[in-house]
């Protein structure tokens, strides 16, 4: 019974969601927003109303106007670049990825994998086995980054050759 009293009514949820619309996007904290939207969906479902939680609801407003800034926002740290580089070679498990990316901690790898999954660039597949097996691979959208990475690799090889005097 106590759990039922915490469920908001649909009108309360809609009022809260409208209030969130008035907050500047820079002040949104994803760690807060995802549970808040999940709670809203659960409250509406409890009252027989549909509410679809879509991860892209959080990113549409956050996308920069500049396409280059968009890609930097999505994959612009060294860890995400190395994770995607690895996954371009095929599906990998967590520990395999950790071994092939020198210096990455378990927490940093976990956080970056979650962000890439949220941005729909990778897919996380959990197998119902004991012990549990989890594999990561590029999503359809993630595979479209291949030409970008091919260009980056060619540029990097050219730069290395110039610096080495080859």
N, C-alpha and C. Protein backbone atom coordinates (compact mmCIF):
# COMPACT_ATOMS: atom_id res chain seq x y z
N UNK A 1 0.83 -1.20 0.00
CA UNK A 1 0.00 0.00 0.00
C UNK A 1 0.87 1.25 0.00
N UNK A 2 1.96 1.23 0.74
CA UNK A 2 2.84 2.40 0.81
C UNK A 2 3.42 2.72 -0.55
N UNK A 3 3.72 1.69 -1.33
CA UNK A 3 4.29 1.92 -2.66
C UNK A 3 3.28 2.62 -3.55
N UNK A 4 1.99 2.28 -3.41
CA UNK A 4 0.97 2.89 -4.23
C UNK A 4 0.81 4.38 -3.92
N UNK A 5 1.03 4.77 -2.69
CA UNK A 5 0.85 6.17 -2.32
C UNK A 5 1.95 7.05 -2.93
N UNK A 6 3.09 6.44 -3.31
CA UNK A 6 4.17 7.23 -3.90
C UNK A 6 3.98 7.45 -5.39
N UNK A 7 3.06 6.71 -6.02
CA UNK A 7 2.84 6.85 -7.45
C UNK A 7 2.03 8.11 -7.70
N UNK A 8 2.55 8.95 -8.57
CA UNK A 8 1.89 10.21 -8.89
C UNK A 8 0.72 9.98 -9.83
N UNK A 9 -0.22 10.90 -9.81
CA UNK A 9 -1.32 10.85 -10.76
C UNK A 9 -0.83 11.36 -12.10
N UNK A 10 -1.51 11.00 -13.19
CA UNK A 10 -1.09 11.49 -14.51
C UNK A 10 -1.01 13.01 -14.59
N UNK A 11 -1.95 13.71 -13.96
CA UNK A 11 -1.92 15.17 -14.02
C UNK A 11 -0.70 15.73 -13.29
N UNK A 12 -0.33 15.11 -12.17
CA UNK A 12 0.86 15.55 -11.44
C UNK A 12 2.11 15.32 -12.28
N UNK A 13 2.17 14.17 -12.92
CA UNK A 13 3.33 13.85 -13.76
C UNK A 13 3.44 14.84 -14.91
N UNK A 14 2.32 15.11 -15.57
CA UNK A 14 2.35 16.06 -16.69
C UNK A 14 2.78 17.46 -16.22
N UNK A 15 2.31 17.87 -15.05
CA UNK A 15 2.69 19.17 -14.50
C UNK A 15 4.19 19.20 -14.22
N UNK A 16 4.73 18.11 -13.66
CA UNK A 16 6.17 18.06 -13.39
C UNK A 16 6.98 18.08 -14.68
N UNK A 17 6.51 17.35 -15.69
CA UNK A 17 7.23 17.34 -16.97
C UNK A 17 7.20 18.72 -17.62
N UNK A 18 6.07 19.43 -17.53
CA UNK A 18 6.01 20.79 -18.06
C UNK A 18 6.96 21.71 -17.32
N UNK A 19 7.08 21.54 -16.02
CA UNK A 19 8.01 22.35 -15.24
C UNK A 19 9.44 22.08 -15.68
N UNK A 20 9.75 20.83 -16.00
CA UNK A 20 11.09 20.50 -16.48
C UNK A 20 11.40 21.19 -17.80
N UNK A 21 10.38 21.38 -18.64
CA UNK A 21 10.58 22.05 -19.93
C UNK A 21 11.07 23.49 -19.75
N UNK A 22 10.77 24.10 -18.63
CA UNK A 22 11.16 25.49 -18.40
C UNK A 22 12.59 25.63 -17.88
N UNK A 23 13.22 24.51 -17.51
CA UNK A 23 14.58 24.56 -17.00
C UNK A 23 15.55 24.58 -18.18
N UNK A 24 16.53 25.50 -18.18
CA UNK A 24 17.51 25.52 -19.27
C UNK A 24 18.21 24.16 -19.37
N UNK A 25 18.43 23.70 -20.60
CA UNK A 25 18.97 22.37 -20.82
C UNK A 25 20.34 22.18 -20.16
N UNK A 26 21.11 23.25 -20.00
CA UNK A 26 22.44 23.13 -19.39
C UNK A 26 22.34 22.67 -17.94
N UNK A 27 21.19 22.91 -17.30
CA UNK A 27 21.04 22.57 -15.89
C UNK A 27 20.54 21.14 -15.68
N UNK A 28 20.13 20.48 -16.77
CA UNK A 28 19.66 19.10 -16.64
C UNK A 28 20.82 18.20 -16.26
N UNK A 29 20.56 17.33 -15.35
CA UNK A 29 21.55 16.34 -14.95
C UNK A 29 21.00 15.00 -15.39
N UNK A 30 21.71 14.34 -16.31
CA UNK A 30 21.21 13.08 -16.85
C UNK A 30 20.94 12.06 -15.76
N UNK A 31 21.77 12.05 -14.74
CA UNK A 31 21.58 11.08 -13.66
C UNK A 31 20.24 11.31 -12.96
N UNK A 32 19.75 12.55 -12.98
CA UNK A 32 18.45 12.86 -12.40
C UNK A 32 17.33 12.62 -13.41
N UNK A 33 17.56 13.03 -14.65
CA UNK A 33 16.50 13.01 -15.64
C UNK A 33 16.02 11.61 -16.00
N UNK A 34 16.94 10.67 -16.17
CA UNK A 34 16.53 9.33 -16.57
C UNK A 34 15.60 8.71 -15.52
N UNK A 35 15.98 8.72 -14.22
CA UNK A 35 15.03 8.18 -13.24
C UNK A 35 13.73 8.98 -13.18
N UNK A 36 13.79 10.28 -13.36
CA UNK A 36 12.58 11.10 -13.30
C UNK A 36 11.63 10.74 -14.44
N UNK A 37 12.16 10.57 -15.64
CA UNK A 37 11.31 10.19 -16.76
C UNK A 37 10.80 8.76 -16.60
N UNK A 38 11.63 7.89 -16.05
CA UNK A 38 11.19 6.51 -15.80
C UNK A 38 10.03 6.52 -14.80
N UNK A 39 10.17 7.32 -13.74
CA UNK A 39 9.11 7.43 -12.73
C UNK A 39 7.83 7.95 -13.38
N UNK A 40 7.97 8.92 -14.27
CA UNK A 40 6.80 9.47 -14.95
C UNK A 40 6.11 8.39 -15.78
N UNK A 41 6.90 7.61 -16.49
CA UNK A 41 6.33 6.54 -17.30
C UNK A 41 5.64 5.49 -16.46
N UNK A 42 6.23 5.14 -15.32
CA UNK A 42 5.63 4.15 -14.43
C UNK A 42 4.32 4.68 -13.85
N UNK A 43 4.29 5.96 -13.50
CA UNK A 43 3.07 6.55 -12.94
C UNK A 43 1.94 6.54 -13.96
N UNK A 44 2.26 6.93 -15.20
CA UNK A 44 1.22 6.94 -16.23
C UNK A 44 0.75 5.52 -16.54
N UNK A 45 1.69 4.57 -16.58
CA UNK A 45 1.33 3.17 -16.85
C UNK A 45 0.43 2.63 -15.74
N UNK A 46 0.69 3.02 -14.50
CA UNK A 46 -0.13 2.56 -13.37
C UNK A 46 -1.57 3.03 -13.50
N UNK A 47 -1.77 4.12 -14.23
CA UNK A 47 -3.12 4.66 -14.44
C UNK A 47 -3.65 4.30 -15.83
N UNK A 48 -3.00 3.32 -16.48
CA UNK A 48 -3.48 2.84 -17.77
C UNK A 48 -3.21 3.77 -18.93
N UNK A 49 -2.25 4.67 -18.80
CA UNK A 49 -1.94 5.59 -19.88
C UNK A 49 -0.55 5.30 -20.43
N UNK A 50 -0.40 5.49 -21.72
CA UNK A 50 0.88 5.21 -22.37
C UNK A 50 1.87 6.34 -22.18
N UNK A 51 3.10 5.96 -22.00
CA UNK A 51 4.21 6.91 -21.95
C UNK A 51 5.43 6.15 -22.45
N UNK A 52 6.01 6.61 -23.53
CA UNK A 52 7.18 5.94 -24.07
C UNK A 52 8.41 6.70 -23.66
N UNK A 53 9.30 6.01 -22.95
CA UNK A 53 10.59 6.61 -22.60
C UNK A 53 11.56 6.29 -23.71
N UNK A 54 12.07 7.32 -24.34
CA UNK A 54 13.01 7.17 -25.44
C UNK A 54 14.26 7.95 -25.07
N UNK A 55 15.41 7.28 -25.11
CA UNK A 55 16.66 7.94 -24.72
C UNK A 55 16.93 9.18 -25.55
N UNK A 56 16.46 9.18 -26.80
CA UNK A 56 16.71 10.34 -27.65
C UNK A 56 15.98 11.59 -27.17
N UNK A 57 14.98 11.42 -26.28
CA UNK A 57 14.29 12.59 -25.74
C UNK A 57 15.26 13.51 -25.01
N UNK A 58 16.33 12.95 -24.47
CA UNK A 58 17.29 13.75 -23.73
C UNK A 58 18.32 14.39 -24.64
N UNK A 59 18.52 13.86 -25.83
CA UNK A 59 19.61 14.35 -26.65
C UNK A 59 19.18 15.32 -27.74
N UNK A 60 17.94 15.30 -28.16
CA UNK A 60 17.53 16.18 -29.26
C UNK A 60 17.81 17.64 -28.95
N UNK A 61 17.47 18.07 -27.75
CA UNK A 61 17.68 19.46 -27.37
C UNK A 61 19.15 19.77 -27.10
N UNK A 62 19.92 18.76 -26.78
CA UNK A 62 21.33 18.96 -26.44
C UNK A 62 22.24 19.01 -27.66
N UNK A 63 21.74 18.60 -28.82
CA UNK A 63 22.60 18.56 -30.00
C UNK A 63 23.07 19.95 -30.39
N UNK A 64 24.38 20.11 -30.57
CA UNK A 64 24.90 21.40 -31.03
C UNK A 64 24.46 21.67 -32.47
N UNK A 65 24.45 22.93 -32.85
CA UNK A 65 24.09 23.29 -34.22
C UNK A 65 25.15 22.84 -35.21
N UNK A 66 26.40 22.83 -34.79
CA UNK A 66 27.52 22.47 -35.66
C UNK A 66 27.67 20.95 -35.72
N UNK A 67 27.71 20.35 -36.91
CA UNK A 67 27.88 18.90 -37.02
C UNK A 67 29.19 18.39 -36.42
N UNK A 68 30.26 19.17 -36.54
CA UNK A 68 31.54 18.75 -35.95
C UNK A 68 31.43 18.75 -34.43
N UNK A 69 30.77 19.76 -33.88
CA UNK A 69 30.56 19.80 -32.43
C UNK A 69 29.70 18.62 -31.97
N UNK A 70 28.77 18.18 -32.82
CA UNK A 70 27.94 17.03 -32.48
C UNK A 70 28.78 15.78 -32.34
N UNK A 71 29.67 15.53 -33.30
CA UNK A 71 30.49 14.32 -33.21
C UNK A 71 31.48 14.41 -32.05
N UNK A 72 31.98 15.61 -31.78
CA UNK A 72 32.88 15.78 -30.63
C UNK A 72 32.11 15.49 -29.34
N UNK A 73 30.87 15.94 -29.27
CA UNK A 73 30.05 15.69 -28.07
C UNK A 73 29.79 14.19 -27.88
N UNK A 74 29.60 13.47 -28.98
CA UNK A 74 29.29 12.05 -28.90
C UNK A 74 30.50 11.17 -28.66
N UNK A 75 31.61 11.45 -29.34
CA UNK A 75 32.77 10.55 -29.25
C UNK A 75 34.06 11.31 -28.97
N UNK A 76 33.96 12.51 -28.42
CA UNK A 76 35.12 13.39 -28.31
C UNK A 76 36.03 13.18 -27.13
N UNK A 77 36.08 12.00 -26.55
CA UNK A 77 37.13 11.77 -25.55
C UNK A 77 37.94 10.55 -25.97
N UNK A 78 39.14 10.46 -25.46
CA UNK A 78 40.04 9.41 -25.95
C UNK A 78 39.50 8.01 -25.69
N UNK A 79 38.77 7.84 -24.61
CA UNK A 79 38.28 6.51 -24.29
C UNK A 79 37.20 6.07 -25.26
N UNK A 80 36.27 6.95 -25.58
CA UNK A 80 35.22 6.59 -26.52
C UNK A 80 35.80 6.28 -27.90
N UNK A 81 36.79 7.05 -28.30
CA UNK A 81 37.43 6.79 -29.59
C UNK A 81 38.06 5.40 -29.61
N UNK A 82 38.74 5.04 -28.53
CA UNK A 82 39.40 3.73 -28.47
C UNK A 82 38.38 2.59 -28.36
N UNK A 83 37.30 2.82 -27.66
CA UNK A 83 36.24 1.80 -27.56
C UNK A 83 35.65 1.54 -28.94
N UNK A 84 35.32 2.61 -29.65
CA UNK A 84 34.73 2.46 -30.98
C UNK A 84 35.74 1.81 -31.92
N UNK A 85 37.00 2.23 -31.83
CA UNK A 85 38.05 1.61 -32.65
C UNK A 85 38.06 0.10 -32.44
N UNK A 86 38.00 -0.33 -31.18
CA UNK A 86 37.98 -1.76 -30.88
C UNK A 86 36.75 -2.45 -31.47
N UNK A 87 35.60 -1.83 -31.31
CA UNK A 87 34.36 -2.45 -31.76
C UNK A 87 34.22 -2.46 -33.28
N UNK A 88 34.97 -1.60 -33.96
CA UNK A 88 34.99 -1.67 -35.42
C UNK A 88 35.59 -3.00 -35.88
N UNK A 89 36.40 -3.60 -35.02
CA UNK A 89 36.99 -4.91 -35.31
C UNK A 89 36.07 -6.07 -34.97
N UNK A 90 34.94 -5.80 -34.36
CA UNK A 90 33.98 -6.85 -34.02
C UNK A 90 33.53 -6.78 -32.57
N UNK A 91 32.62 -7.65 -32.24
CA UNK A 91 32.03 -7.73 -30.90
C UNK A 91 33.09 -8.06 -29.87
N UNK A 92 32.99 -7.42 -28.70
CA UNK A 92 33.93 -7.68 -27.61
C UNK A 92 33.20 -7.74 -26.28
N UNK A 93 33.79 -8.49 -25.37
CA UNK A 93 33.30 -8.53 -23.99
C UNK A 93 34.04 -7.46 -23.20
N UNK A 94 33.50 -7.15 -22.02
CA UNK A 94 34.03 -6.07 -21.19
C UNK A 94 35.51 -6.26 -20.88
N UNK A 95 35.88 -7.41 -20.33
CA UNK A 95 37.28 -7.62 -19.93
C UNK A 95 38.23 -7.66 -21.11
N UNK A 96 37.76 -8.15 -22.24
CA UNK A 96 38.57 -8.14 -23.46
C UNK A 96 38.88 -6.70 -23.86
N UNK A 97 37.86 -5.85 -23.79
CA UNK A 97 38.05 -4.45 -24.12
C UNK A 97 39.00 -3.78 -23.14
N UNK A 98 38.83 -4.11 -21.88
CA UNK A 98 39.68 -3.51 -20.85
C UNK A 98 41.16 -3.88 -21.06
N UNK A 99 41.41 -5.12 -21.49
CA UNK A 99 42.79 -5.55 -21.75
C UNK A 99 43.39 -4.84 -22.96
N UNK A 100 42.57 -4.52 -23.95
CA UNK A 100 43.10 -3.95 -25.19
C UNK A 100 43.12 -2.42 -25.19
N UNK A 101 42.65 -1.80 -24.12
CA UNK A 101 42.72 -0.34 -23.99
C UNK A 101 43.57 -0.03 -22.77
N UNK A 102 44.87 0.16 -22.97
CA UNK A 102 45.77 0.39 -21.83
C UNK A 102 45.39 1.63 -21.03
N UNK A 103 45.41 1.49 -19.71
CA UNK A 103 45.19 2.63 -18.83
C UNK A 103 43.76 2.93 -18.48
N UNK A 104 42.81 2.25 -19.08
CA UNK A 104 41.40 2.55 -18.78
C UNK A 104 40.98 1.78 -17.52
N UNK A 105 40.33 2.48 -16.61
CA UNK A 105 39.85 1.83 -15.39
C UNK A 105 38.50 1.18 -15.65
N UNK A 106 38.10 0.31 -14.77
CA UNK A 106 36.81 -0.37 -14.90
C UNK A 106 35.67 0.65 -14.88
N UNK A 107 35.74 1.63 -13.98
CA UNK A 107 34.69 2.64 -13.87
C UNK A 107 34.60 3.49 -15.13
N UNK A 108 35.75 3.92 -15.64
CA UNK A 108 35.75 4.77 -16.83
C UNK A 108 35.21 3.99 -18.03
N UNK A 109 35.61 2.74 -18.16
CA UNK A 109 35.10 1.92 -19.26
C UNK A 109 33.59 1.74 -19.13
N UNK A 110 33.12 1.43 -17.94
CA UNK A 110 31.69 1.26 -17.70
C UNK A 110 30.92 2.53 -18.04
N UNK A 111 31.39 3.67 -17.55
CA UNK A 111 30.71 4.95 -17.81
C UNK A 111 30.65 5.26 -19.30
N UNK A 112 31.77 5.07 -19.99
CA UNK A 112 31.81 5.37 -21.42
C UNK A 112 30.95 4.41 -22.23
N UNK A 113 30.93 3.13 -21.86
CA UNK A 113 30.06 2.18 -22.54
C UNK A 113 28.59 2.56 -22.35
N UNK A 114 28.23 2.98 -21.15
CA UNK A 114 26.85 3.40 -20.89
C UNK A 114 26.47 4.62 -21.74
N UNK A 115 27.38 5.58 -21.83
CA UNK A 115 27.10 6.77 -22.63
C UNK A 115 26.96 6.42 -24.10
N UNK A 116 27.85 5.58 -24.61
CA UNK A 116 27.78 5.17 -26.01
C UNK A 116 26.50 4.39 -26.29
N UNK A 117 26.09 3.57 -25.33
CA UNK A 117 24.84 2.83 -25.48
C UNK A 117 23.65 3.80 -25.45
N UNK A 118 23.69 4.76 -24.55
CA UNK A 118 22.63 5.76 -24.46
C UNK A 118 22.51 6.55 -25.76
N UNK A 119 23.64 6.87 -26.36
CA UNK A 119 23.65 7.63 -27.61
C UNK A 119 23.41 6.74 -28.83
N UNK A 120 23.12 5.47 -28.57
CA UNK A 120 22.75 4.50 -29.60
C UNK A 120 23.87 4.26 -30.61
N UNK A 121 25.12 4.34 -30.14
CA UNK A 121 26.26 4.04 -31.00
C UNK A 121 26.74 2.60 -30.80
N UNK A 122 26.44 2.02 -29.64
CA UNK A 122 26.78 0.62 -29.39
C UNK A 122 25.56 -0.12 -28.86
N UNK A 123 25.64 -1.44 -28.94
CA UNK A 123 24.57 -2.30 -28.44
C UNK A 123 25.18 -3.22 -27.39
N UNK A 124 24.49 -3.34 -26.29
CA UNK A 124 24.91 -4.23 -25.19
C UNK A 124 23.98 -5.43 -25.19
N UNK A 125 24.57 -6.61 -25.32
CA UNK A 125 23.76 -7.83 -25.34
C UNK A 125 24.12 -8.69 -24.14
N UNK A 126 23.11 -8.99 -23.32
CA UNK A 126 23.29 -9.80 -22.12
C UNK A 126 22.73 -11.19 -22.40
N UNK A 127 23.55 -12.20 -22.14
CA UNK A 127 23.14 -13.58 -22.33
C UNK A 127 22.72 -14.17 -20.99
N UNK A 128 21.65 -14.94 -20.99
CA UNK A 128 21.15 -15.57 -19.77
C UNK A 128 21.96 -16.83 -19.50
N UNK A 129 23.16 -16.64 -19.01
CA UNK A 129 24.06 -17.75 -18.71
C UNK A 129 24.63 -17.56 -17.31
N UNK A 130 25.20 -18.63 -16.77
CA UNK A 130 25.90 -18.54 -15.50
C UNK A 130 27.33 -18.98 -15.77
N UNK A 131 28.32 -18.14 -15.54
CA UNK A 131 28.22 -16.73 -15.15
C UNK A 131 27.67 -15.89 -16.30
N UNK A 132 27.12 -14.71 -15.98
CA UNK A 132 26.54 -13.86 -17.01
C UNK A 132 27.58 -13.47 -18.06
N UNK A 133 27.13 -13.39 -19.29
CA UNK A 133 28.01 -12.98 -20.38
C UNK A 133 27.38 -11.75 -21.02
N UNK A 134 28.20 -10.70 -21.18
CA UNK A 134 27.74 -9.46 -21.79
C UNK A 134 28.69 -9.14 -22.93
N UNK A 135 28.13 -8.84 -24.09
CA UNK A 135 28.94 -8.48 -25.25
C UNK A 135 28.51 -7.11 -25.76
N UNK A 136 29.49 -6.40 -26.30
CA UNK A 136 29.25 -5.08 -26.86
C UNK A 136 29.60 -5.11 -28.34
N UNK A 137 28.78 -4.43 -29.13
CA UNK A 137 29.06 -4.30 -30.56
C UNK A 137 28.54 -2.95 -31.01
N UNK A 138 28.97 -2.55 -32.19
CA UNK A 138 28.48 -1.28 -32.74
C UNK A 138 27.04 -1.45 -33.20
N UNK A 139 26.26 -0.43 -33.01
CA UNK A 139 24.89 -0.41 -33.53
C UNK A 139 24.97 -0.07 -35.02
N UNK A 140 23.83 -0.06 -35.65
CA UNK A 140 23.78 0.33 -37.06
C UNK A 140 24.33 1.75 -37.21
N UNK A 141 23.94 2.65 -36.30
CA UNK A 141 24.44 4.02 -36.34
C UNK A 141 25.94 4.04 -36.07
N UNK A 142 26.40 3.23 -35.13
CA UNK A 142 27.82 3.17 -34.80
C UNK A 142 28.68 2.73 -35.97
N UNK A 143 28.17 1.80 -36.77
CA UNK A 143 28.96 1.33 -37.91
C UNK A 143 29.13 2.41 -38.97
N UNK A 144 28.27 3.42 -38.95
CA UNK A 144 28.43 4.52 -39.92
C UNK A 144 29.65 5.38 -39.60
N UNK A 145 30.26 5.15 -38.43
CA UNK A 145 31.48 5.88 -38.06
C UNK A 145 32.73 5.30 -38.72
N UNK A 146 32.62 4.15 -39.37
CA UNK A 146 33.80 3.50 -39.97
C UNK A 146 34.56 4.43 -40.91
N UNK A 147 33.91 5.11 -41.85
CA UNK A 147 34.69 6.01 -42.73
C UNK A 147 35.39 7.13 -41.96
N UNK A 148 34.77 7.59 -40.89
CA UNK A 148 35.39 8.63 -40.05
C UNK A 148 36.67 8.09 -39.43
N UNK A 149 36.60 6.88 -38.89
CA UNK A 149 37.77 6.27 -38.26
C UNK A 149 38.83 5.90 -39.29
N UNK A 150 38.40 5.47 -40.49
CA UNK A 150 39.37 5.19 -41.56
C UNK A 150 40.13 6.46 -41.92
N UNK A 151 39.43 7.58 -42.01
CA UNK A 151 40.08 8.86 -42.31
C UNK A 151 41.02 9.28 -41.19
N UNK A 152 40.58 9.09 -39.95
CA UNK A 152 41.44 9.43 -38.81
C UNK A 152 42.70 8.57 -38.81
N UNK A 153 42.56 7.29 -39.13
CA UNK A 153 43.72 6.41 -39.16
C UNK A 153 44.68 6.83 -40.27
N UNK A 154 44.15 7.13 -41.45
CA UNK A 154 45.00 7.56 -42.57
C UNK A 154 45.73 8.85 -42.21
N UNK A 155 45.01 9.79 -41.61
CA UNK A 155 45.64 11.04 -41.21
C UNK A 155 46.72 10.79 -40.17
N UNK A 156 46.43 9.95 -39.18
CA UNK A 156 47.40 9.62 -38.14
C UNK A 156 48.65 8.96 -38.70
N UNK A 157 48.47 8.04 -39.64
CA UNK A 157 49.62 7.39 -40.27
C UNK A 157 50.46 8.39 -41.04
N UNK A 158 49.80 9.30 -41.75
CA UNK A 158 50.51 10.35 -42.50
C UNK A 158 51.28 11.26 -41.56
N UNK A 159 50.66 11.66 -40.48
CA UNK A 159 51.30 12.52 -39.49
C UNK A 159 52.52 11.83 -38.88
N UNK A 160 52.36 10.57 -38.51
CA UNK A 160 53.48 9.81 -37.94
C UNK A 160 54.64 9.73 -38.93
N UNK A 161 54.34 9.50 -40.20
CA UNK A 161 55.38 9.41 -41.22
C UNK A 161 56.13 10.73 -41.36
N UNK A 162 55.41 11.84 -41.32
CA UNK A 162 56.05 13.16 -41.43
C UNK A 162 56.94 13.41 -40.23
N UNK A 163 56.43 13.15 -39.03
CA UNK A 163 57.20 13.39 -37.81
C UNK A 163 58.45 12.51 -37.77
N UNK A 164 58.31 11.28 -38.22
CA UNK A 164 59.46 10.36 -38.23
C UNK A 164 60.43 10.65 -39.37
N UNK A 165 60.01 11.49 -40.30
CA UNK A 165 60.87 11.83 -41.44
C UNK A 165 60.89 10.74 -42.50
N UNK A 166 59.86 9.98 -42.60
CA UNK A 166 59.79 8.89 -43.58
C UNK A 166 59.34 9.39 -44.93
